[in-house]
Amino acid sequence: MKRILFLFALFLLTTMGIFAQTAATPDTLAKKKVAVYADTTVNVGPVVQKQQEQPAKTHVRRDTRPLKDRIKFDLNTSFWSNASVVSGQISLLVSYHFPKILSIGTGPTYLFNYNRGPNKNLNGWGGTVFARAQFLKFLYVWTEYQGIDNQYITNWNPVTVGKEYVDSWFVGAGCNIRLGTRSGINLAVLYDLLHGSSSPYSSATTYRVGFSF
């Protein structure tokens, strides 16, 4: 009898184990599927990386002209006279010519004045900075700042000479007379906006003749 009860209990335990194993199978499969999906890498094709946008390149136009076409020299002279004074000026200028119409330059300036009354020569030294715009092949406009350390008469009897710094600002226009590929004659009429009693120029209007080479 005990053996029969033992076999029946063993049968029940075996049957319950099989049932429990069968009932757990769907959950186990679901978990396995989740694990499989979690471990699976889905390949959706190659990853296209967005290329980093490159900044637009700015093209700098270089001046390819030879140096002799960019750098020029001018020798400017002027002369004026009245009843009491004979004056003159000479300037050696070097200028840089940009590709179109503009040129800028500088150079030393020497100025002399001869006073007829006391028979005295007066001198002045200084410098010039200028800009020129060549609107036409033969016509240009000019502006210039000039500073002169100029001698002047402080006393007439006896004649004594002093020195004073005088600045001038000229504006005006001129024309070119070409003599060759680089050389020419420049004729200009300039007006000194800062002209005063201490100016080394007898008049605010100055006439110049220049030679370019």
C-alpha atoms as a PDB file:
ATOM      1  CA  MET A   1       0.000   0.000   0.000  1.00  0.00           C
ATOM      2  CA  LYS A   2       2.822   2.372   0.911  1.00  0.00           C
ATOM      3  CA  ARG A   3       4.519   1.524  -2.371  1.00  0.00           C
ATOM      4  CA  ILE A   4       1.368   2.399  -4.279  1.00  0.00           C
ATOM      5  CA  LEU A   5       1.051   5.723  -2.419  1.00  0.00           C
ATOM      6  CA  PHE A   6       4.720   6.499  -3.110  1.00  0.00           C
ATOM      7  CA  LEU A   7       4.348   5.772  -6.818  1.00  0.00           C
ATOM      8  CA  PHE A   8       1.155   7.890  -6.935  1.00  0.00           C
ATOM      9  CA  ALA A   9       2.928  10.803  -5.226  1.00  0.00           C
ATOM     10  CA  LEU A  10       5.869  10.437  -7.579  1.00  0.00           C
ATOM     11  CA  PHE A  11       3.422  10.475 -10.496  1.00  0.00           C
ATOM     12  CA  LEU A  12       1.757  13.639  -9.212  1.00  0.00           C
ATOM     13  CA  LEU A  13       5.095  15.403  -8.710  1.00  0.00           C
ATOM     14  CA  THR A  14       6.224  14.397 -12.182  1.00  0.00           C
ATOM     15  CA  THR A  15       2.935  15.557 -13.730  1.00  0.00           C
ATOM     16  CA  MET A  16       3.080  18.928 -11.921  1.00  0.00           C
ATOM     17  CA  GLY A  17       6.685  19.460 -12.987  1.00  0.00           C
ATOM     18  CA  ILE A  18       5.799  18.794 -16.616  1.00  0.00           C
ATOM     19  CA  PHE A  19       2.781  21.134 -16.406  1.00  0.00           C
ATOM     20  CA  ALA A  20       4.773  23.860 -14.743  1.00  0.00           C
ATOM     21  CA  GLN A  21       7.483  23.511 -17.405  1.00  0.00           C
ATOM     22  CA  THR A  22       4.860  23.677 -20.161  1.00  0.00           C
ATOM     23  CA  ALA A  23       3.134  26.717 -18.659  1.00  0.00           C
ATOM     24  CA  ALA A  24       6.419  28.591 -18.316  1.00  0.00           C
ATOM     25  CA  THR A  25       7.457  27.960 -21.879  1.00  0.00           C
ATOM     26  CA  PRO A  26       5.660  31.033 -23.465  1.00  0.00           C
ATOM     27  CA  ASP A  27       7.178  33.445 -20.945  1.00  0.00           C
ATOM     28  CA  THR A  28      10.560  31.912 -21.368  1.00  0.00           C
ATOM     29  CA  LEU A  29      10.319  32.190 -25.133  1.00  0.00           C
ATOM     30  CA  ALA A  30       9.230  35.797 -24.856  1.00  0.00           C
ATOM     31  CA  LYS A  31      12.182  36.593 -22.640  1.00  0.00           C
ATOM     32  CA  LYS A  32      14.487  34.834 -25.047  1.00  0.00           C
ATOM     33  CA  LYS A  33      13.041  36.847 -27.921  1.00  0.00           C
ATOM     34  CA  VAL A  34      13.569  40.077 -26.006  1.00  0.00           C
ATOM     35  CA  ALA A  35      17.136  39.042 -25.271  1.00  0.00           C
ATOM     36  CA  VAL A  36      17.690  38.186 -28.906  1.00  0.00           C
ATOM     37  CA  TYR A  37      16.282  41.549 -30.013  1.00  0.00           C
ATOM     38  CA  ALA A  38      18.320  43.356 -27.423  1.00  0.00           C
ATOM     39  CA  ASP A  39      21.513  41.709 -28.608  1.00  0.00           C
ATOM     40  CA  THR A  40      20.771  42.131 -32.302  1.00  0.00           C
ATOM     41  CA  THR A  41      22.139  45.169 -34.136  1.00  0.00           C
ATOM     42  CA  VAL A  42      19.858  46.295 -36.914  1.00  0.00           C
ATOM     43  CA  ASN A  43      21.846  47.369 -39.956  1.00  0.00           C
ATOM     44  CA  VAL A  44      19.973  50.196 -41.712  1.00  0.00           C
ATOM     45  CA  GLY A  45      22.666  50.887 -44.234  1.00  0.00           C
ATOM     46  CA  PRO A  46      25.816  52.975 -44.180  1.00  0.00           C
ATOM     47  CA  VAL A  47      25.768  56.034 -41.962  1.00  0.00           C
ATOM     48  CA  VAL A  48      26.178  59.127 -44.039  1.00  0.00           C
ATOM     49  CA  GLN A  49      28.123  61.716 -42.123  1.00  0.00           C
ATOM     50  CA  LYS A  50      27.267  65.309 -42.920  1.00  0.00           C
ATOM     51  CA  GLN A  51      30.278  66.913 -44.370  1.00  0.00           C
ATOM     52  CA  GLN A  52      31.430  69.901 -42.472  1.00  0.00           C
ATOM     53  CA  GLU A  53      30.737  72.979 -44.488  1.00  0.00           C
ATOM     54  CA  GLN A  54      33.951  74.650 -45.552  1.00  0.00           C
ATOM     55  CA  PRO A  55      34.092  78.428 -45.320  1.00  0.00           C
ATOM     56  CA  ALA A  56      33.895  80.155 -48.652  1.00  0.00           C
ATOM     57  CA  LYS A  57      37.318  81.016 -49.957  1.00  0.00           C
ATOM     58  CA  THR A  58      37.904  84.660 -50.656  1.00  0.00           C
ATOM     59  CA  HIS A  59      39.918  85.269 -53.764  1.00  0.00           C
ATOM     60  CA  VAL A  60      42.401  88.079 -53.255  1.00  0.00           C
ATOM     61  CA  ARG A  61      43.349  89.697 -56.521  1.00  0.00           C
ATOM     62  CA  ARG A  62      47.062  90.266 -56.575  1.00  0.00           C
ATOM     63  CA  ASP A  63      48.703  93.138 -58.351  1.00  0.00           C
ATOM     64  CA  THR A  64      50.828  91.423 -60.976  1.00  0.00           C
ATOM     65  CA  ARG A  65      52.207  94.615 -62.496  1.00  0.00           C
ATOM     66  CA  PRO A  66      55.997  94.961 -62.418  1.00  0.00           C
ATOM     67  CA  LEU A  67      57.412  97.318 -59.811  1.00  0.00           C
ATOM     68  CA  LYS A  68      58.421  99.886 -62.437  1.00  0.00           C
ATOM     69  CA  ASP A  69      54.738 100.330 -63.323  1.00  0.00           C
ATOM     70  CA  ARG A  70      53.735 100.896 -59.705  1.00  0.00           C
ATOM     71  CA  ILE A  71      56.497 103.206 -58.470  1.00  0.00           C
ATOM     72  CA  LYS A  72      57.140 106.534 -60.199  1.00  0.00           C
ATOM     73  CA  PHE A  73      59.200 109.632 -59.545  1.00  0.00           C
ATOM     74  CA  ASP A  74      58.232 113.250 -60.087  1.00  0.00           C
ATOM     75  CA  LEU A  75      60.242 116.444 -59.987  1.00  0.00           C
ATOM     76  CA  ASN A  76      57.890 119.358 -59.278  1.00  0.00           C
ATOM     77  CA  THR A  77      58.959 122.986 -59.623  1.00  0.00           C
ATOM     78  CA  SER A  78      57.215 126.293 -59.233  1.00  0.00           C
ATOM     79  CA  PHE A  79      58.236 129.899 -59.655  1.00  0.00           C
ATOM     80  CA  TRP A  80      56.560 133.199 -58.863  1.00  0.00           C
ATOM     81  CA  SER A  81      57.575 136.795 -58.599  1.00  0.00           C
ATOM     82  CA  ASN A  82      56.224 140.200 -57.619  1.00  0.00           C
ATOM     83  CA  ALA A  83      57.611 143.650 -56.897  1.00  0.00           C
ATOM     84  CA  SER A  84      59.254 142.627 -53.608  1.00  0.00           C
ATOM     85  CA  VAL A  85      59.866 138.863 -53.701  1.00  0.00           C
ATOM     86  CA  VAL A  86      61.160 136.281 -56.124  1.00  0.00           C
ATOM     87  CA  SER A  87      60.344 132.756 -54.978  1.00  0.00           C
ATOM     88  CA  GLY A  88      60.703 129.229 -56.168  1.00  0.00           C
ATOM     89  CA  GLN A  89      60.162 125.670 -55.043  1.00  0.00           C
ATOM     90  CA  ILE A  90      61.472 122.252 -55.973  1.00  0.00           C
ATOM     91  CA  SER A  91      60.186 118.860 -54.771  1.00  0.00           C
ATOM     92  CA  LEU A  92      61.436 115.360 -55.510  1.00  0.00           C
ATOM     93  CA  LEU A  93      58.493 113.011 -55.073  1.00  0.00           C
ATOM     94  CA  VAL A  94      58.107 109.244 -55.106  1.00  0.00           C
ATOM     95  CA  SER A  95      54.615 107.860 -55.612  1.00  0.00           C
ATOM     96  CA  TYR A  96      52.827 104.518 -55.625  1.00  0.00           C
ATOM     97  CA  HIS A  97      50.212 104.071 -58.355  1.00  0.00           C
ATOM     98  CA  PHE A  98      47.290 101.763 -57.604  1.00  0.00           C
ATOM     99  CA  PRO A  99      45.774  99.705 -60.455  1.00  0.00           C
ATOM    100  CA  LYS A 100      43.042 102.208 -61.307  1.00  0.00           C
ATOM    101  CA  ILE A 101      43.066 105.974 -60.757  1.00  0.00           C
ATOM    102  CA  LEU A 102      44.581 106.616 -57.328  1.00  0.00           C
ATOM    103  CA  SER A 103      48.207 107.302 -56.456  1.00  0.00           C
ATOM    104  CA  ILE A 104      49.816 108.493 -53.230  1.00  0.00           C
ATOM    105  CA  GLY A 105      53.300 109.793 -52.553  1.00  0.00           C
ATOM    106  CA  THR A 106      55.688 111.819 -50.479  1.00  0.00           C
ATOM    107  CA  GLY A 107      59.034 113.563 -50.730  1.00  0.00           C
ATOM    108  CA  PRO A 108      61.256 116.428 -49.570  1.00  0.00           C
ATOM    109  CA  THR A 109      60.647 120.036 -50.568  1.00  0.00           C
ATOM    110  CA  TYR A 110      63.016 122.985 -50.814  1.00  0.00           C
ATOM    111  CA  LEU A 111      61.715 126.540 -50.951  1.00  0.00           C
ATOM    112  CA  PHE A 112      63.616 129.769 -51.535  1.00  0.00           C
ATOM    113  CA  ASN A 113      62.625 133.432 -51.332  1.00  0.00           C
ATOM    114  CA  TYR A 114      64.650 136.394 -52.458  1.00  0.00           C
ATOM    115  CA  ASN A 115      63.603 139.691 -50.879  1.00  0.00           C
ATOM    116  CA  ARG A 116      64.465 142.571 -53.171  1.00  0.00           C
ATOM    117  CA  GLY A 117      64.350 145.287 -50.478  1.00  0.00           C
ATOM    118  CA  PRO A 118      66.993 144.024 -48.019  1.00  0.00           C
ATOM    119  CA  ASN A 119      68.648 141.929 -50.723  1.00  0.00           C
ATOM    120  CA  LYS A 120      68.249 138.821 -48.591  1.00  0.00           C
ATOM    121  CA  ASN A 121      67.886 135.169 -49.510  1.00  0.00           C
ATOM    122  CA  LEU A 122      65.582 133.081 -47.328  1.00  0.00           C
ATOM    123  CA  ASN A 123      65.330 129.288 -47.396  1.00  0.00           C
ATOM    124  CA  GLY A 124      62.853 126.699 -46.268  1.00  0.00           C
ATOM    125  CA  TRP A 125      63.018 122.917 -45.929  1.00  0.00           C
ATOM    126  CA  GLY A 126      60.195 120.489 -45.390  1.00  0.00           C
ATOM    127  CA  GLY A 127      58.190 117.625 -46.757  1.00  0.00           C
ATOM    128  CA  THR A 128      55.074 116.837 -48.732  1.00  0.00           C
ATOM    129  CA  VAL A 129      52.398 114.134 -48.601  1.00  0.00           C
ATOM    130  CA  PHE A 130      49.953 114.026 -51.505  1.00  0.00           C
ATOM    131  CA  ALA A 131      47.220 112.060 -53.251  1.00  0.00           C
ATOM    132  CA  ARG A 132      46.298 112.198 -56.927  1.00  0.00           C
ATOM    133  CA  ALA A 133      43.281 110.842 -58.787  1.00  0.00           C
ATOM    134  CA  GLN A 134      43.767 110.407 -62.545  1.00  0.00           C
ATOM    135  CA  PHE A 135      40.172 110.576 -63.769  1.00  0.00           C
ATOM    136  CA  LEU A 136      41.169 110.922 -67.430  1.00  0.00           C
ATOM    137  CA  LYS A 137      44.336 110.005 -69.275  1.00  0.00           C
ATOM    138  CA  PHE A 138      45.425 113.642 -69.384  1.00  0.00           C
ATOM    139  CA  LEU A 139      43.513 115.175 -66.422  1.00  0.00           C
ATOM    140  CA  TYR A 140      43.956 114.658 -62.677  1.00  0.00           C
ATOM    141  CA  VAL A 141      42.945 116.244 -59.363  1.00  0.00           C
ATOM    142  CA  TRP A 142      45.454 116.806 -56.587  1.00  0.00           C
ATOM    143  CA  THR A 143      45.476 117.333 -52.822  1.00  0.00           C
ATOM    144  CA  GLU A 144      48.618 117.884 -50.787  1.00  0.00           C
ATOM    145  CA  TYR A 145      49.749 118.671 -47.278  1.00  0.00           C
ATOM    146  CA  GLN A 146      53.065 120.469 -46.999  1.00  0.00           C
ATOM    147  CA  GLY A 147      55.058 121.461 -43.946  1.00  0.00           C
ATOM    148  CA  ILE A 148      57.954 123.916 -44.305  1.00  0.00           C
ATOM    149  CA  ASP A 149      60.476 125.044 -41.688  1.00  0.00           C
ATOM    150  CA  ASN A 150      60.771 128.457 -43.266  1.00  0.00           C
ATOM    151  CA  GLN A 151      63.032 131.470 -42.714  1.00  0.00           C
ATOM    152  CA  TYR A 152      61.517 134.925 -42.492  1.00  0.00           C
ATOM    153  CA  ILE A 153      62.707 138.462 -41.713  1.00  0.00           C
ATOM    154  CA  THR A 154      62.064 139.482 -38.122  1.00  0.00           C
ATOM    155  CA  ASN A 155      63.703 142.927 -38.277  1.00  0.00           C
ATOM    156  CA  TRP A 156      64.459 145.151 -41.251  1.00  0.00           C
ATOM    157  CA  ASN A 157      67.121 147.460 -39.791  1.00  0.00           C
ATOM    158  CA  PRO A 158      69.377 145.722 -39.203  1.00  0.00           C
ATOM    159  CA  VAL A 159      68.058 142.688 -41.061  1.00  0.00           C
ATOM    160  CA  THR A 160      67.600 139.684 -38.770  1.00  0.00           C
ATOM    161  CA  VAL A 161      66.199 136.318 -39.753  1.00  0.00           C
ATOM    162  CA  GLY A 162      64.014 133.941 -37.764  1.00  0.00           C
ATOM    163  CA  LYS A 163      62.562 130.510 -38.493  1.00  0.00           C
ATOM    164  CA  GLU A 164      58.992 129.280 -38.276  1.00  0.00           C
ATOM    165  CA  TYR A 165      57.151 126.080 -39.181  1.00  0.00           C
ATOM    166  CA  VAL A 166      54.385 126.803 -41.684  1.00  0.00           C
ATOM    167  CA  ASP A 167      51.923 124.276 -43.043  1.00  0.00           C
ATOM    168  CA  SER A 168      49.913 124.438 -46.248  1.00  0.00           C
ATOM    169  CA  TRP A 169      47.077 122.397 -47.681  1.00  0.00           C
ATOM    170  CA  PHE A 170      46.803 122.544 -51.458  1.00  0.00           C
ATOM    171  CA  VAL A 171      43.885 121.426 -53.616  1.00  0.00           C
ATOM    172  CA  GLY A 172      43.677 121.735 -57.364  1.00  0.00           C
ATOM    173  CA  ALA A 173      43.898 120.057 -60.741  1.00  0.00           C
ATOM    174  CA  GLY A 174      46.420 119.462 -63.478  1.00  0.00           C
ATOM    175  CA  CYS A 175      47.029 117.921 -66.864  1.00  0.00           C
ATOM    176  CA  ASN A 176      49.585 115.473 -68.255  1.00  0.00           C
ATOM    177  CA  ILE A 177      51.576 115.884 -71.437  1.00  0.00           C
ATOM    178  CA  ARG A 178      53.055 112.495 -72.229  1.00  0.00           C
ATOM    179  CA  LEU A 179      56.571 112.370 -73.647  1.00  0.00           C
ATOM    180  CA  GLY A 180      56.993 108.579 -73.539  1.00  0.00           C
ATOM    181  CA  THR A 181      55.759 105.431 -71.823  1.00  0.00           C
ATOM    182  CA  ARG A 182      56.877 106.708 -68.408  1.00  0.00           C
ATOM    183  CA  SER A 183      58.008 110.318 -68.811  1.00  0.00           C
ATOM    184  CA  GLY A 184      55.847 113.385 -69.149  1.00  0.00           C
ATOM    185  CA  ILE A 185      55.205 116.978 -68.126  1.00  0.00           C
ATOM    186  CA  ASN A 186      52.616 117.919 -65.512  1.00  0.00           C
ATOM    187  CA  LEU A 187      50.986 121.336 -65.339  1.00  0.00           C
ATOM    188  CA  ALA A 188      48.948 122.129 -62.222  1.00  0.00           C
ATOM    189  CA  VAL A 189      47.090 124.994 -60.567  1.00  0.00           C
ATOM    190  CA  LEU A 190      46.768 124.653 -56.769  1.00  0.00           C
ATOM    191  CA  TYR A 191      45.103 126.718 -54.078  1.00  0.00           C
ATOM    192  CA  ASP A 192      46.421 126.856 -50.495  1.00  0.00           C
ATOM    193  CA  LEU A 193      43.490 126.555 -48.065  1.00  0.00           C
ATOM    194  CA  LEU A 194      45.731 127.495 -45.107  1.00  0.00           C
ATOM    195  CA  HIS A 195      47.387 130.520 -46.687  1.00  0.00           C
ATOM    196  CA  GLY A 196      48.053 133.349 -44.240  1.00  0.00           C
ATOM    197  CA  SER A 197      50.413 136.161 -43.381  1.00  0.00           C
ATOM    198  CA  SER A 198      53.150 133.742 -42.274  1.00  0.00           C
ATOM    199  CA  SER A 199      52.953 131.657 -45.467  1.00  0.00           C
ATOM    200  CA  PRO A 200      56.159 131.459 -47.535  1.00  0.00           C
ATOM    201  CA  TYR A 201      54.011 131.833 -50.661  1.00  0.00           C
ATOM    202  CA  SER A 202      53.157 135.335 -51.787  1.00  0.00           C
ATOM    203  CA  SER A 203      49.760 134.173 -53.043  1.00  0.00           C
ATOM    204  CA  ALA A 204      47.297 131.414 -52.143  1.00  0.00           C
ATOM    205  CA  THR A 205      47.278 130.320 -55.785  1.00  0.00           C
ATOM    206  CA  THR A 206      50.345 128.408 -56.952  1.00  0.00           C
ATOM    207  CA  TYR A 207      51.291 127.290 -60.459  1.00  0.00           C
ATOM    208  CA  ARG A 208      53.506 124.244 -60.860  1.00  0.00           C
ATOM    209  CA  VAL A 209      55.403 122.510 -63.602  1.00  0.00           C
ATOM    210  CA  GLY A 210      56.409 118.919 -62.956  1.00  0.00           C
ATOM    211  CA  PHE A 211      58.439 116.258 -64.731  1.00  0.00           C
ATOM    212  CA  SER A 212      57.590 112.575 -64.239  1.00  0.00           C
ATOM    213  CA  PHE A 213      59.961 109.738 -65.032  1.00  0.00           C
END
